[in-house]
C-alpha atoms as a PDB file:
ATOM      1  CA  UNK A   1       0.000   0.000   0.000  1.00  0.00           C
ATOM      2  CA  UNK A   2       1.260   3.478  -0.879  1.00  0.00           C
ATOM      3  CA  UNK A   3       0.347   6.873   0.504  1.00  0.00           C
ATOM      4  CA  UNK A   4       0.471   9.710  -2.024  1.00  0.00           C
ATOM      5  CA  UNK A   5       0.648  13.361  -1.063  1.00  0.00           C
ATOM      6  CA  UNK A   6       0.558  16.454  -3.234  1.00  0.00           C
ATOM      7  CA  UNK A   7       1.443  19.904  -2.007  1.00  0.00           C
ATOM      8  CA  UNK A   8       2.209  23.296  -3.491  1.00  0.00           C
ATOM      9  CA  UNK A   9       2.241  24.710  -6.973  1.00  0.00           C
ATOM     10  CA  UNK A  10       4.765  22.070  -8.072  1.00  0.00           C
ATOM     11  CA  UNK A  11       2.433  19.145  -7.325  1.00  0.00           C
ATOM     12  CA  UNK A  12       4.975  17.232  -5.291  1.00  0.00           C
ATOM     13  CA  UNK A  13       3.775  13.678  -4.848  1.00  0.00           C
ATOM     14  CA  UNK A  14       5.469  11.431  -2.322  1.00  0.00           C
ATOM     15  CA  UNK A  15       4.962   7.682  -2.189  1.00  0.00           C
ATOM     16  CA  UNK A  16       5.473   5.986   1.156  1.00  0.00           C
ATOM     17  CA  UNK A  17       4.980   2.265   1.692  1.00  0.00           C
ATOM     18  CA  UNK A  18       3.379   0.873   4.837  1.00  0.00           C
ATOM     19  CA  UNK A  19       6.579  -1.103   5.468  1.00  0.00           C
ATOM     20  CA  UNK A  20       8.516   2.161   5.466  1.00  0.00           C
ATOM     21  CA  UNK A  21       5.990   3.747   7.847  1.00  0.00           C
ATOM     22  CA  UNK A  22       6.268   0.808  10.242  1.00  0.00           C
ATOM     23  CA  UNK A  23      10.067   1.108  10.325  1.00  0.00           C
ATOM     24  CA  UNK A  24       9.988   4.846  11.031  1.00  0.00           C
ATOM     25  CA  UNK A  25       7.225   4.504  13.624  1.00  0.00           C
ATOM     26  CA  UNK A  26       9.778   2.840  15.899  1.00  0.00           C
ATOM     27  CA  UNK A  27      11.361   6.263  16.390  1.00  0.00           C
ATOM     28  CA  UNK A  28       8.257   7.935  17.854  1.00  0.00           C
ATOM     29  CA  UNK A  29       8.875   9.645  21.188  1.00  0.00           C
ATOM     30  CA  UNK A  30       6.124   7.989  23.185  1.00  0.00           C
ATOM     31  CA  UNK A  31       7.752   8.421  26.605  1.00  0.00           C
ATOM     32  CA  UNK A  32      11.129   9.984  27.363  1.00  0.00           C
ATOM     33  CA  UNK A  33      13.029   8.958  24.235  1.00  0.00           C
ATOM     34  CA  UNK A  34      15.322  11.552  22.631  1.00  0.00           C
ATOM     35  CA  UNK A  35      14.612  13.023  19.216  1.00  0.00           C
ATOM     36  CA  UNK A  36      15.884  10.879  16.380  1.00  0.00           C
ATOM     37  CA  UNK A  37      16.520  11.703  12.761  1.00  0.00           C
ATOM     38  CA  UNK A  38      18.339  11.087   9.547  1.00  0.00           C
ATOM     39  CA  UNK A  39      18.127  11.464   5.799  1.00  0.00           C
ATOM     40  CA  UNK A  40      15.672  10.051   3.268  1.00  0.00           C
ATOM     41  CA  UNK A  41      16.706   8.564  -0.067  1.00  0.00           C
ATOM     42  CA  UNK A  42      14.414   7.833  -2.944  1.00  0.00           C
ATOM     43  CA  UNK A  43      13.698   7.792  -6.638  1.00  0.00           C
ATOM     44  CA  UNK A  44      12.522  10.844  -8.567  1.00  0.00           C
ATOM     45  CA  UNK A  45      10.241   9.394 -11.218  1.00  0.00           C
ATOM     46  CA  UNK A  46       9.375  11.001 -14.571  1.00  0.00           C
ATOM     47  CA  UNK A  47       5.793  11.776 -13.537  1.00  0.00           C
ATOM     48  CA  UNK A  48       7.021  14.000 -10.682  1.00  0.00           C
ATOM     49  CA  UNK A  49       6.553  11.344  -8.023  1.00  0.00           C
ATOM     50  CA  UNK A  50       9.177  10.917  -5.327  1.00  0.00           C
ATOM     51  CA  UNK A  51       9.227   7.334  -4.089  1.00  0.00           C
ATOM     52  CA  UNK A  52      10.983   6.938  -0.731  1.00  0.00           C
ATOM     53  CA  UNK A  53      13.327   3.940  -0.689  1.00  0.00           C
ATOM     54  CA  UNK A  54      15.114   4.059   2.679  1.00  0.00           C
ATOM     55  CA  UNK A  55      16.259   6.244   5.566  1.00  0.00           C
ATOM     56  CA  UNK A  56      19.337   6.593   7.730  1.00  0.00           C
ATOM     57  CA  UNK A  57      19.045   6.067  11.461  1.00  0.00           C
ATOM     58  CA  UNK A  58      20.620   8.082  14.272  1.00  0.00           C
ATOM     59  CA  UNK A  59      24.341   7.387  14.441  1.00  0.00           C
ATOM     60  CA  UNK A  60      26.995   7.575  17.105  1.00  0.00           C
ATOM     61  CA  UNK A  61      28.119  11.179  17.198  1.00  0.00           C
ATOM     62  CA  UNK A  62      24.708  12.682  16.358  1.00  0.00           C
ATOM     63  CA  UNK A  63      23.321  15.147  18.885  1.00  0.00           C
ATOM     64  CA  UNK A  64      20.191  13.709  20.506  1.00  0.00           C
ATOM     65  CA  UNK A  65      18.158  14.966  23.426  1.00  0.00           C
ATOM     66  CA  UNK A  66      14.467  15.171  24.283  1.00  0.00           C
ATOM     67  CA  UNK A  67      13.753  18.219  22.114  1.00  0.00           C
ATOM     68  CA  UNK A  68      16.636  18.354  19.654  1.00  0.00           C
ATOM     69  CA  UNK A  69      18.320  16.261  17.001  1.00  0.00           C
ATOM     70  CA  UNK A  70      21.296  17.300  14.904  1.00  0.00           C
ATOM     71  CA  UNK A  71      23.080  15.149  12.356  1.00  0.00           C
ATOM     72  CA  UNK A  72      26.762  15.245  13.227  1.00  0.00           C
ATOM     73  CA  UNK A  73      27.884  11.834  11.964  1.00  0.00           C
ATOM     74  CA  UNK A  74      29.348  11.540   8.485  1.00  0.00           C
ATOM     75  CA  UNK A  75      27.532   8.188   8.223  1.00  0.00           C
ATOM     76  CA  UNK A  76      24.418   9.985   6.898  1.00  0.00           C
ATOM     77  CA  UNK A  77      26.342  11.367   3.904  1.00  0.00           C
ATOM     78  CA  UNK A  78      27.958   7.962   3.343  1.00  0.00           C
ATOM     79  CA  UNK A  79      24.466   6.411   3.391  1.00  0.00           C
ATOM     80  CA  UNK A  80      23.341   8.778   0.604  1.00  0.00           C
ATOM     81  CA  UNK A  81      26.578   8.321  -1.358  1.00  0.00           C
ATOM     82  CA  UNK A  82      26.298   4.516  -1.249  1.00  0.00           C
ATOM     83  CA  UNK A  83      22.722   4.539  -2.559  1.00  0.00           C
ATOM     84  CA  UNK A  84      23.646   7.040  -5.271  1.00  0.00           C
ATOM     85  CA  UNK A  85      26.672   5.045  -6.430  1.00  0.00           C
ATOM     86  CA  UNK A  86      25.009   1.616  -6.192  1.00  0.00           C
ATOM     87  CA  UNK A  87      22.015   2.824  -8.246  1.00  0.00           C
ATOM     88  CA  UNK A  88      24.075   4.750 -10.826  1.00  0.00           C
ATOM     89  CA  UNK A  89      22.460   7.976  -9.643  1.00  0.00           C
ATOM     90  CA  UNK A  90      18.873   6.708  -9.744  1.00  0.00           C
ATOM     91  CA  UNK A  91      18.451   6.822  -5.946  1.00  0.00           C
ATOM     92  CA  UNK A  92      19.480  10.044  -4.223  1.00  0.00           C
ATOM     93  CA  UNK A  93      18.794  12.357  -1.306  1.00  0.00           C
ATOM     94  CA  UNK A  94      15.127  13.426  -1.275  1.00  0.00           C
ATOM     95  CA  UNK A  95      14.802  14.826   2.228  1.00  0.00           C
ATOM     96  CA  UNK A  96      15.334  14.553   5.942  1.00  0.00           C
ATOM     97  CA  UNK A  97      13.331  13.230   8.862  1.00  0.00           C
ATOM     98  CA  UNK A  98      13.288  13.684  12.604  1.00  0.00           C
ATOM     99  CA  UNK A  99      10.924  13.033  15.489  1.00  0.00           C
ATOM    100  CA  UNK A 100       9.130  15.392  17.867  1.00  0.00           C
ATOM    101  CA  UNK A 101       7.591  14.585  21.270  1.00  0.00           C
ATOM    102  CA  UNK A 102       4.175  15.886  20.114  1.00  0.00           C
ATOM    103  CA  UNK A 103       1.004  14.085  19.041  1.00  0.00           C
ATOM    104  CA  UNK A 104       0.716  16.228  15.910  1.00  0.00           C
ATOM    105  CA  UNK A 105       4.168  17.673  15.180  1.00  0.00           C
ATOM    106  CA  UNK A 106       4.904  21.095  13.791  1.00  0.00           C
ATOM    107  CA  UNK A 107       8.195  22.611  12.694  1.00  0.00           C
ATOM    108  CA  UNK A 108      10.022  24.955  15.028  1.00  0.00           C
ATOM    109  CA  UNK A 109      11.742  28.110  13.806  1.00  0.00           C
ATOM    110  CA  UNK A 110      15.032  26.227  14.327  1.00  0.00           C
ATOM    111  CA  UNK A 111      13.781  23.447  12.012  1.00  0.00           C
ATOM    112  CA  UNK A 112      12.833  25.917   9.280  1.00  0.00           C
ATOM    113  CA  UNK A 113      16.136  27.832   9.487  1.00  0.00           C
ATOM    114  CA  UNK A 114      18.032  24.546   9.253  1.00  0.00           C
ATOM    115  CA  UNK A 115      15.942  23.427   6.270  1.00  0.00           C
ATOM    116  CA  UNK A 116      16.462  26.765   4.493  1.00  0.00           C
ATOM    117  CA  UNK A 117      20.221  26.245   4.809  1.00  0.00           C
ATOM    118  CA  UNK A 118      19.978  22.659   3.529  1.00  0.00           C
ATOM    119  CA  UNK A 119      17.881  23.717   0.544  1.00  0.00           C
ATOM    120  CA  UNK A 120      20.234  26.576  -0.357  1.00  0.00           C
ATOM    121  CA  UNK A 121      23.146  24.110  -0.364  1.00  0.00           C
ATOM    122  CA  UNK A 122      21.334  21.281  -2.180  1.00  0.00           C
ATOM    123  CA  UNK A 123      18.010  21.097  -3.949  1.00  0.00           C
ATOM    124  CA  UNK A 124      14.816  23.062  -3.462  1.00  0.00           C
ATOM    125  CA  UNK A 125      12.847  19.892  -4.148  1.00  0.00           C
ATOM    126  CA  UNK A 126      13.801  18.272  -0.869  1.00  0.00           C
ATOM    127  CA  UNK A 127      11.100  17.634   1.695  1.00  0.00           C
ATOM    128  CA  UNK A 128      11.224  17.337   5.462  1.00  0.00           C
ATOM    129  CA  UNK A 129       9.315  14.854   7.600  1.00  0.00           C
ATOM    130  CA  UNK A 130       8.554  15.188  11.298  1.00  0.00           C
ATOM    131  CA  UNK A 131       7.344  12.069  13.097  1.00  0.00           C
ATOM    132  CA  UNK A 132       4.914  12.685  15.941  1.00  0.00           C
ATOM    133  CA  UNK A 133       3.199  10.319  18.354  1.00  0.00           C
ATOM    134  CA  UNK A 134      -0.063  10.176  16.359  1.00  0.00           C
ATOM    135  CA  UNK A 135       0.616  11.851  13.007  1.00  0.00           C
ATOM    136  CA  UNK A 136       3.431  12.871  10.699  1.00  0.00           C
ATOM    137  CA  UNK A 137       3.887  16.260   9.073  1.00  0.00           C
ATOM    138  CA  UNK A 138       5.661  16.717   5.754  1.00  0.00           C
ATOM    139  CA  UNK A 139       7.049  20.138   4.841  1.00  0.00           C
ATOM    140  CA  UNK A 140       7.930  21.417   1.372  1.00  0.00           C
ATOM    141  CA  UNK A 141       9.021  24.887   0.401  1.00  0.00           C
ATOM    142  CA  UNK A 142       6.854  26.451  -2.275  1.00  0.00           C
ATOM    143  CA  UNK A 143       7.252  30.020  -3.517  1.00  0.00           C
ATOM    144  CA  UNK A 144       9.442  30.898  -0.502  1.00  0.00           C
ATOM    145  CA  UNK A 145       6.865  29.634   2.008  1.00  0.00           C
ATOM    146  CA  UNK A 146       6.875  26.445   4.044  1.00  0.00           C
ATOM    147  CA  UNK A 147       3.771  24.361   3.427  1.00  0.00           C
ATOM    148  CA  UNK A 148       2.774  21.455   5.630  1.00  0.00           C
ATOM    149  CA  UNK A 149       0.734  18.329   5.040  1.00  0.00           C
ATOM    150  CA  UNK A 150      -0.330  16.243   8.020  1.00  0.00           C
ATOM    151  CA  UNK A 151      -0.697  12.482   7.702  1.00  0.00           C
ATOM    152  CA  UNK A 152      -3.002  10.913  10.278  1.00  0.00           C
ATOM    153  CA  UNK A 153      -1.508   7.442  10.445  1.00  0.00           C
ATOM    154  CA  UNK A 154      -4.499   5.916  12.220  1.00  0.00           C
ATOM    155  CA  UNK A 155      -6.362   6.101   8.885  1.00  0.00           C
ATOM    156  CA  UNK A 156      -3.797   3.816   7.281  1.00  0.00           C
ATOM    157  CA  UNK A 157      -3.299   1.388  10.130  1.00  0.00           C
ATOM    158  CA  UNK A 158      -7.012   0.561  10.523  1.00  0.00           C
ATOM    159  CA  UNK A 159      -6.791  -1.921   7.660  1.00  0.00           C
ATOM    160  CA  UNK A 160      -3.569  -3.629   8.687  1.00  0.00           C
END
């Protein structure tokens, strides 16, 4: 099963498999766990769809506490490089993810400043995923504004 989302004037569509959701759900902050995060790799298909393939997990050296995550380990870049090389450039960086200790997460000003820097150094077609306790929120930048789409995961897990 795939979940498709469209947002903004560019009609960004993201495909996420239930298997992928289940793997990322393990990083929810249900009690006192620290924030977790990493990068997302995927395929950019001809019809404008971004299909997520995999994600990096928190690594030794990353900064993790209850309300903050910062990628410090070079393992995240190696993760992207390996996918890119092994797929002859077909699979590449498509975004980043991290968790928040909220039911329905929203980006902080720190998140948005960080994302602006990442986009200016990379690709304005990246997206950013925040994993909450109950829902996920995906952010894309469209016409210099951050736009959010919330995914209520309970809708998808009813049938599983």
